[in-house]
Amino acid sequence: MKLLLIASIASFFLLTTAHAAGDVEAGKSKSAMCAACHGPDGNSPAPTFPKLAGQHADYLAKQLADYKSGERQNATMNGMAAALSEQDMADLAAFYAAQKVIVGKAAEDQVAAGEAVYRAGNTATGVSACAACHGPTGSGNPMAKFPSLSGQHADYTVLQLKSFRAGERVNDAGSMMRGVAKKMTDAEIEAVAQYIQGLH
């Protein structure tokens, strides 16, 4: 049933919303306003701001559109996205997608627990394996708009998982991430976030 749900959602995204084609060079010039938080190449120096480098363009464009519409809430990003056109979003997304993510290092004492959750989930509590949607190396699934997680800051991943769990972030297709995160313990969230930080 889970695979059927994933396939249905992926098909939905393939048949809907067409985005403007992004221009990498135009995106580079427009990215100056983003660099303070996300770094000049999308490798954010601050662990609570996400790395955008290497992220799938369609996923990034969707997040910007969700910030603009208010479907995804963040005071800073809602303001930043408010003035962006669809073309601006496509250009920024193309630029960041073309950059190379710098993978971090996982805390060694969290790797085993994090890998277990990432690759197998927790069958006792119904936590799905992250790898099912985000891939064994964290590269995601661009066709289904499932993001790349490879090398993402652990602090940022913890923030997002806890936001999904609390129902504060609601822009996940079919409530999939909310469904997973609500079954995760703080320890599982911390461990898998550390594992993701070093995943590539």
C-alpha atoms as a PDB file:
ATOM      1  CA  MET A   1       0.000   0.000   0.000  1.00  0.00           C
ATOM      2  CA  LYS A   2       2.845   2.407   0.809  1.00  0.00           C
ATOM      3  CA  LEU A   3       4.435   1.829  -2.590  1.00  0.00           C
ATOM      4  CA  LEU A   4       1.067   2.369  -4.272  1.00  0.00           C
ATOM      5  CA  LEU A   5       0.638   5.652  -2.405  1.00  0.00           C
ATOM      6  CA  ILE A   6       4.137   6.802  -3.397  1.00  0.00           C
ATOM      7  CA  ALA A   7       3.505   5.875  -7.038  1.00  0.00           C
ATOM      8  CA  SER A   8       0.173   7.716  -7.030  1.00  0.00           C
ATOM      9  CA  ILE A   9       1.714  10.861  -5.615  1.00  0.00           C
ATOM     10  CA  ALA A  10       4.584  10.704  -8.072  1.00  0.00           C
ATOM     11  CA  SER A  11       2.139  10.343 -10.967  1.00  0.00           C
ATOM     12  CA  PHE A  12       0.133  13.292  -9.679  1.00  0.00           C
ATOM     13  CA  PHE A  13       3.191  15.524  -9.725  1.00  0.00           C
ATOM     14  CA  LEU A  14       4.219  14.329 -13.167  1.00  0.00           C
ATOM     15  CA  LEU A  15       0.833  15.203 -14.613  1.00  0.00           C
ATOM     16  CA  THR A  16       0.424  18.577 -12.932  1.00  0.00           C
ATOM     17  CA  THR A  17       2.256  21.857 -12.415  1.00  0.00           C
ATOM     18  CA  ALA A  18       4.641  22.716 -15.213  1.00  0.00           C
ATOM     19  CA  HIS A  19       7.388  25.098 -14.186  1.00  0.00           C
ATOM     20  CA  ALA A  20       9.153  27.716 -16.245  1.00  0.00           C
ATOM     21  CA  ALA A  21      12.558  26.637 -17.500  1.00  0.00           C
ATOM     22  CA  GLY A  22      15.280  28.039 -15.272  1.00  0.00           C
ATOM     23  CA  ASP A  23      18.437  29.823 -16.401  1.00  0.00           C
ATOM     24  CA  VAL A  24      21.521  29.063 -14.310  1.00  0.00           C
ATOM     25  CA  GLU A  25      23.329  32.327 -15.072  1.00  0.00           C
ATOM     26  CA  ALA A  26      20.243  34.421 -14.371  1.00  0.00           C
ATOM     27  CA  GLY A  27      19.787  32.481 -11.150  1.00  0.00           C
ATOM     28  CA  LYS A  28      23.366  33.176 -10.138  1.00  0.00           C
ATOM     29  CA  SER A  29      22.845  36.928 -10.410  1.00  0.00           C
ATOM     30  CA  LYS A  30      19.539  36.709  -8.534  1.00  0.00           C
ATOM     31  CA  SER A  31      21.076  34.582  -5.776  1.00  0.00           C
ATOM     32  CA  ALA A  32      22.991  37.500  -4.236  1.00  0.00           C
ATOM     33  CA  MET A  33      20.050  38.145  -1.911  1.00  0.00           C
ATOM     34  CA  CYS A  34      20.147  34.509  -0.748  1.00  0.00           C
ATOM     35  CA  ALA A  35      23.889  34.270  -0.106  1.00  0.00           C
ATOM     36  CA  ALA A  36      23.874  35.742   3.403  1.00  0.00           C
ATOM     37  CA  CYS A  37      21.954  32.741   4.736  1.00  0.00           C
ATOM     38  CA  HIS A  38      22.584  30.024   2.167  1.00  0.00           C
ATOM     39  CA  GLY A  39      26.146  30.827   1.098  1.00  0.00           C
ATOM     40  CA  PRO A  40      27.289  32.019  -2.337  1.00  0.00           C
ATOM     41  CA  ASP A  41      27.109  28.502  -3.802  1.00  0.00           C
ATOM     42  CA  GLY A  42      24.191  27.188  -1.738  1.00  0.00           C
ATOM     43  CA  ASN A  43      26.352  25.546   0.918  1.00  0.00           C
ATOM     44  CA  SER A  44      25.005  27.388   3.923  1.00  0.00           C
ATOM     45  CA  PRO A  45      27.619  28.131   6.593  1.00  0.00           C
ATOM     46  CA  ALA A  46      24.906  28.221   9.287  1.00  0.00           C
ATOM     47  CA  PRO A  47      23.625  24.813  10.429  1.00  0.00           C
ATOM     48  CA  THR A  48      20.040  26.000  10.892  1.00  0.00           C
ATOM     49  CA  PHE A  49      19.805  27.283   7.294  1.00  0.00           C
ATOM     50  CA  PRO A  50      19.502  24.581   4.636  1.00  0.00           C
ATOM     51  CA  LYS A  51      22.105  23.733   2.062  1.00  0.00           C
ATOM     52  CA  LEU A  52      20.530  24.355  -1.340  1.00  0.00           C
ATOM     53  CA  ALA A  53      23.459  23.200  -3.466  1.00  0.00           C
ATOM     54  CA  GLY A  54      22.649  20.129  -5.536  1.00  0.00           C
ATOM     55  CA  GLN A  55      18.972  20.166  -4.583  1.00  0.00           C
ATOM     56  CA  HIS A  56      16.496  19.252  -7.332  1.00  0.00           C
ATOM     57  CA  ALA A  57      15.281  22.315  -9.231  1.00  0.00           C
ATOM     58  CA  ASP A  58      11.592  21.366  -9.181  1.00  0.00           C
ATOM     59  CA  TYR A  59      11.699  20.820  -5.433  1.00  0.00           C
ATOM     60  CA  LEU A  60      13.373  24.190  -4.845  1.00  0.00           C
ATOM     61  CA  ALA A  61      10.898  25.978  -7.118  1.00  0.00           C
ATOM     62  CA  LYS A  62       8.005  24.364  -5.236  1.00  0.00           C
ATOM     63  CA  GLN A  63       9.390  25.456  -1.871  1.00  0.00           C
ATOM     64  CA  LEU A  64       9.763  29.042  -3.071  1.00  0.00           C
ATOM     65  CA  ALA A  65       6.210  28.990  -4.450  1.00  0.00           C
ATOM     66  CA  ASP A  66       4.954  27.583  -1.146  1.00  0.00           C
ATOM     67  CA  TYR A  67       6.728  30.343   0.775  1.00  0.00           C
ATOM     68  CA  LYS A  68       5.224  32.938  -1.561  1.00  0.00           C
ATOM     69  CA  SER A  69       1.697  31.535  -1.148  1.00  0.00           C
ATOM     70  CA  GLY A  70       2.104  31.080   2.607  1.00  0.00           C
ATOM     71  CA  GLU A  71       1.590  27.320   2.427  1.00  0.00           C
ATOM     72  CA  ARG A  72       5.030  26.993   4.013  1.00  0.00           C
ATOM     73  CA  GLN A  73       5.602  29.360   6.911  1.00  0.00           C
ATOM     74  CA  ASN A  74       8.835  31.129   7.752  1.00  0.00           C
ATOM     75  CA  ALA A  75       8.830  34.866   8.389  1.00  0.00           C
ATOM     76  CA  THR A  76      12.115  35.498   6.596  1.00  0.00           C
ATOM     77  CA  MET A  77      11.439  33.264   3.613  1.00  0.00           C
ATOM     78  CA  ASN A  78       7.829  34.407   3.209  1.00  0.00           C
ATOM     79  CA  GLY A  79       9.149  37.944   2.865  1.00  0.00           C
ATOM     80  CA  MET A  80      11.987  36.972   0.522  1.00  0.00           C
ATOM     81  CA  ALA A  81       9.713  34.991  -1.788  1.00  0.00           C
ATOM     82  CA  ALA A  82       6.911  37.554  -1.895  1.00  0.00           C
ATOM     83  CA  ALA A  83       8.441  39.557  -4.747  1.00  0.00           C
ATOM     84  CA  LEU A  84       9.704  36.593  -6.778  1.00  0.00           C
ATOM     85  CA  SER A  85       8.128  35.801 -10.130  1.00  0.00           C
ATOM     86  CA  GLU A  86       7.738  32.238 -11.376  1.00  0.00           C
ATOM     87  CA  GLN A  87      10.742  32.867 -13.634  1.00  0.00           C
ATOM     88  CA  ASP A  88      12.808  34.159 -10.696  1.00  0.00           C
ATOM     89  CA  MET A  89      12.024  30.984  -8.784  1.00  0.00           C
ATOM     90  CA  ALA A  90      12.913  28.785 -11.750  1.00  0.00           C
ATOM     91  CA  ASP A  91      16.200  30.637 -12.282  1.00  0.00           C
ATOM     92  CA  LEU A  92      17.204  30.418  -8.619  1.00  0.00           C
ATOM     93  CA  ALA A  93      16.262  26.748  -8.524  1.00  0.00           C
ATOM     94  CA  ALA A  94      18.325  26.032 -11.654  1.00  0.00           C
ATOM     95  CA  PHE A  95      21.350  27.815 -10.203  1.00  0.00           C
ATOM     96  CA  TYR A  96      21.310  25.962  -6.893  1.00  0.00           C
ATOM     97  CA  ALA A  97      20.594  22.616  -8.571  1.00  0.00           C
ATOM     98  CA  ALA A  98      23.761  23.112 -10.652  1.00  0.00           C
ATOM     99  CA  GLN A  99      25.976  23.575  -7.572  1.00  0.00           C
ATOM    100  CA  LYS A 100      27.780  20.780  -5.716  1.00  0.00           C
ATOM    101  CA  VAL A 101      26.788  20.103  -2.130  1.00  0.00           C
ATOM    102  CA  ILE A 102      29.574  19.896   0.426  1.00  0.00           C
ATOM    103  CA  VAL A 103      28.825  16.855   2.553  1.00  0.00           C
ATOM    104  CA  GLY A 104      29.363  17.196   6.286  1.00  0.00           C
ATOM    105  CA  LYS A 105      30.435  14.615   8.834  1.00  0.00           C
ATOM    106  CA  ALA A 106      28.067  12.632  11.016  1.00  0.00           C
ATOM    107  CA  ALA A 107      28.629  12.324  14.757  1.00  0.00           C
ATOM    108  CA  GLU A 108      30.222   8.890  15.084  1.00  0.00           C
ATOM    109  CA  ASP A 109      28.140   7.910  18.095  1.00  0.00           C
ATOM    110  CA  GLN A 110      24.927   8.462  16.087  1.00  0.00           C
ATOM    111  CA  VAL A 111      25.812   6.750  12.810  1.00  0.00           C
ATOM    112  CA  ALA A 112      24.615   3.221  13.628  1.00  0.00           C
ATOM    113  CA  ALA A 113      21.269   4.329  15.052  1.00  0.00           C
ATOM    114  CA  GLY A 114      20.768   6.869  12.273  1.00  0.00           C
ATOM    115  CA  GLU A 115      21.583   4.396   9.525  1.00  0.00           C
ATOM    116  CA  ALA A 116      19.138   1.880  10.997  1.00  0.00           C
ATOM    117  CA  VAL A 117      16.270   4.390  10.857  1.00  0.00           C
ATOM    118  CA  TYR A 118      17.289   5.750   7.450  1.00  0.00           C
ATOM    119  CA  ARG A 119      17.573   2.339   5.783  1.00  0.00           C
ATOM    120  CA  ALA A 120      15.009   0.225   7.634  1.00  0.00           C
ATOM    121  CA  GLY A 121      12.764   2.570   9.621  1.00  0.00           C
ATOM    122  CA  ASN A 122      11.264   1.193  12.806  1.00  0.00           C
ATOM    123  CA  THR A 123       8.787  -1.583  12.135  1.00  0.00           C
ATOM    124  CA  ALA A 124       7.727  -1.721  15.785  1.00  0.00           C
ATOM    125  CA  THR A 125       6.410   1.858  15.712  1.00  0.00           C
ATOM    126  CA  GLY A 126       5.587   2.168  11.999  1.00  0.00           C
ATOM    127  CA  VAL A 127       8.368   4.581  11.048  1.00  0.00           C
ATOM    128  CA  SER A 128       9.030   4.209   7.321  1.00  0.00           C
ATOM    129  CA  ALA A 129      12.576   3.934   5.996  1.00  0.00           C
ATOM    130  CA  CYS A 130      13.833   7.290   4.691  1.00  0.00           C
ATOM    131  CA  ALA A 131      15.650   5.486   1.881  1.00  0.00           C
ATOM    132  CA  ALA A 132      12.338   4.379   0.360  1.00  0.00           C
ATOM    133  CA  CYS A 133      11.695   7.909  -0.930  1.00  0.00           C
ATOM    134  CA  HIS A 134      15.040   9.668  -0.594  1.00  0.00           C
ATOM    135  CA  GLY A 135      17.227   6.886  -1.979  1.00  0.00           C
ATOM    136  CA  PRO A 136      20.104   4.882  -0.497  1.00  0.00           C
ATOM    137  CA  THR A 137      22.584   7.741  -0.933  1.00  0.00           C
ATOM    138  CA  GLY A 138      20.100  10.499  -0.087  1.00  0.00           C
ATOM    139  CA  SER A 139      19.852  11.705  -3.684  1.00  0.00           C
ATOM    140  CA  GLY A 140      16.063  11.933  -3.542  1.00  0.00           C
ATOM    141  CA  ASN A 141      13.640  11.437  -6.416  1.00  0.00           C
ATOM    142  CA  PRO A 142      13.324  14.482  -8.672  1.00  0.00           C
ATOM    143  CA  MET A 143      10.397  13.061 -10.665  1.00  0.00           C
ATOM    144  CA  ALA A 144       8.316  12.755  -7.491  1.00  0.00           C
ATOM    145  CA  LYS A 145       9.746  15.996  -6.047  1.00  0.00           C
ATOM    146  CA  PHE A 146      11.236  14.097  -3.105  1.00  0.00           C
ATOM    147  CA  PRO A 147      14.260  16.183  -2.070  1.00  0.00           C
ATOM    148  CA  SER A 148      17.875  15.238  -1.923  1.00  0.00           C
ATOM    149  CA  LEU A 149      18.997  14.902   1.700  1.00  0.00           C
ATOM    150  CA  SER A 150      22.652  14.119   1.079  1.00  0.00           C
ATOM    151  CA  GLY A 151      24.918  16.212   3.293  1.00  0.00           C
ATOM    152  CA  GLN A 152      22.144  18.398   4.698  1.00  0.00           C
ATOM    153  CA  HIS A 153      22.914  20.100   8.015  1.00  0.00           C
ATOM    154  CA  ALA A 154      21.780  17.943  10.932  1.00  0.00           C
ATOM    155  CA  ASP A 155      20.372  20.943  12.824  1.00  0.00           C
ATOM    156  CA  TYR A 156      18.209  21.915   9.857  1.00  0.00           C
ATOM    157  CA  THR A 157      16.964  18.344   9.369  1.00  0.00           C
ATOM    158  CA  VAL A 158      16.044  18.123  13.061  1.00  0.00           C
ATOM    159  CA  LEU A 159      14.106  21.392  12.784  1.00  0.00           C
ATOM    160  CA  GLN A 160      12.154  20.174   9.763  1.00  0.00           C
ATOM    161  CA  LEU A 161      11.334  16.743  11.175  1.00  0.00           C
ATOM    162  CA  LYS A 162      10.110  18.291  14.407  1.00  0.00           C
ATOM    163  CA  SER A 163       8.074  20.843  12.435  1.00  0.00           C
ATOM    164  CA  PHE A 164       6.448  18.041  10.442  1.00  0.00           C
ATOM    165  CA  ARG A 165       5.818  16.082  13.647  1.00  0.00           C
ATOM    166  CA  ALA A 166       4.162  19.078  15.322  1.00  0.00           C
ATOM    167  CA  GLY A 167       2.054  19.839  12.236  1.00  0.00           C
ATOM    168  CA  GLU A 168       3.756  23.222  11.832  1.00  0.00           C
ATOM    169  CA  ARG A 169       5.069  22.386   8.367  1.00  0.00           C
ATOM    170  CA  VAL A 170       2.252  21.185   6.136  1.00  0.00           C
ATOM    171  CA  ASN A 171       3.464  21.409   2.542  1.00  0.00           C
ATOM    172  CA  ASP A 172       4.332  17.715   2.209  1.00  0.00           C
ATOM    173  CA  ALA A 173       2.439  15.792  -0.473  1.00  0.00           C
ATOM    174  CA  GLY A 174      -0.258  13.587   1.019  1.00  0.00           C
ATOM    175  CA  SER A 175       0.944  14.422   4.547  1.00  0.00           C
ATOM    176  CA  MET A 176       3.663  11.818   4.002  1.00  0.00           C
ATOM    177  CA  MET A 177       6.347  13.497   6.088  1.00  0.00           C
ATOM    178  CA  ARG A 178       3.921  14.394   8.843  1.00  0.00           C
ATOM    179  CA  GLY A 179       2.853  10.756   8.956  1.00  0.00           C
ATOM    180  CA  VAL A 180       6.435   9.551   9.286  1.00  0.00           C
ATOM    181  CA  ALA A 181       7.687  12.216  11.684  1.00  0.00           C
ATOM    182  CA  LYS A 182       4.813  11.910  14.144  1.00  0.00           C
ATOM    183  CA  LYS A 183       5.980   8.351  14.889  1.00  0.00           C
ATOM    184  CA  MET A 184       9.612   9.320  15.441  1.00  0.00           C
ATOM    185  CA  THR A 185      11.183   9.875  18.836  1.00  0.00           C
ATOM    186  CA  ASP A 186      13.551  12.759  19.529  1.00  0.00           C
ATOM    187  CA  ALA A 187      16.408  10.254  19.647  1.00  0.00           C
ATOM    188  CA  GLU A 188      15.501   8.834  16.223  1.00  0.00           C
ATOM    189  CA  ILE A 189      15.243  12.325  14.746  1.00  0.00           C
ATOM    190  CA  GLU A 190      18.633  13.355  16.122  1.00  0.00           C
ATOM    191  CA  ALA A 191      20.307  10.148  14.969  1.00  0.00           C
ATOM    192  CA  VAL A 192      18.906  10.129  11.444  1.00  0.00           C
ATOM    193  CA  ALA A 193      19.717  13.829  11.034  1.00  0.00           C
ATOM    194  CA  GLN A 194      23.322  13.134  11.948  1.00  0.00           C
ATOM    195  CA  TYR A 195      23.460  10.201   9.553  1.00  0.00           C
ATOM    196  CA  ILE A 196      22.047  12.361   6.728  1.00  0.00           C
ATOM    197  CA  GLN A 197      24.670  15.045   7.381  1.00  0.00           C
ATOM    198  CA  GLY A 198      27.386  12.607   6.320  1.00  0.00           C
ATOM    199  CA  LEU A 199      25.360  10.719   3.704  1.00  0.00           C
ATOM    200  CA  HIS A 200      26.519  10.718   0.072  1.00  0.00           C
END
